């Protein structure tokens, strides 16, 4: 927690600010990497060698030359052509029929989540989310005064039977339940994919109890087994706000995301967003629009999925060989494996020791949980690490586990 300073009259909300444990860890890894080689399973990013930078360079050169307003503001809600391209994209790839009037372009999916927090959360409101869940959303919404309530996750995603019971209990106690937040595909950090039955059930719960569901679809297009429709596909009442992102396929540095929601929500979000940033970066909007309109997304996604599936399989094979008693769910999508350590050790202590002794970086899972159930779990990323470093890194992880056993 950030303490109030006697020298400055900060807002009371500063007392809710918590440093992001991921960003803190990344800073530490960066400092150590300056002095020695680190095998990092910590990132939540695509492999930079899979991103077609030469293609982007060519497209950006064209748009900067051809588009007279490429370095000017766009409308706050995004370029009309990109919003139309995203609406077409959602129909083609997600089976969700929408229009550009329901699409608002944001600076990555994270801005969309922050804007929804500003729009809906009053101090004391209860928000239901998976346990574990994405830590940055937890930190962000707690800043607005949300009271987070976790519901457990298994191999088929969030336990919707339990979720409904939690909703009923909170409402019976007179609590305000504003939002349900979920990452149904390629969950971060659990790596699981929600089953179709649970997707349908969650939408039914939202309808039955008059709730809004925020669907974080950041990993929807990194799927290695099966195919899955988003929650929005089953929503007929406008109860699901779809938060999309191109970061995980096209590149995190592009910072282009969007939300798809009712026109009423879009209009209010636009009013909130405008004074803070005016618009998402216009050259990046133009780049993504060209990628979509010229049919280039398919080949970029295909290459990413093929490469990451190979890395995932390499990591699972290494875990099975070098980590006796490893407990994890086979990720059918996303970027992560959530590993329960076969020794009773605090994951933050384990991660520090692994980095210091063996120069291998992992993310402690404890901050992703609302209780102590993630104390001995770590999150492993398999997308950004070099393929030929995975086995060696997991082997060293196994060595430390045996030392602590």
Foldseek 3Di string as FASTA:
>chain_A
DDDDDPVDDDDPLVVLADPDLLVVQVVVLVVVCVPDPFFEQRDQAFAPVLAPVVVLVVLLVVCVVPPPCLQPFDAAQAHQLLLQLVQVVCCVAFVFHDHSLQKGKFQFLLVVLLLVLVVWDAAQAEEEEAFQADLSSVSSNVSRRYDYDHAYADQQGGPLVVVLVVVVVCVVVVHHHEEYEYAQALGVFQLHHHDPVSLLSVLVSCVVNVYAYEYEDAWQLLFQDDHDHHSSNNHPDQRYKYKYGPCRQNHSVLRIIMIGTPSVVVVVSSVVRCVPPNHRNSSSSSSVSCCSVVVVSVVSSVSQNVVLVVLLVLLVVLCVVQQPPWDWHRRRIRFKIKTQHPAPAFQVVLQVCCCVPVSYHWAQCCSSGPDCPSRRIIIGGRRHGDSVCNNVNSNSSSVVSVVRD
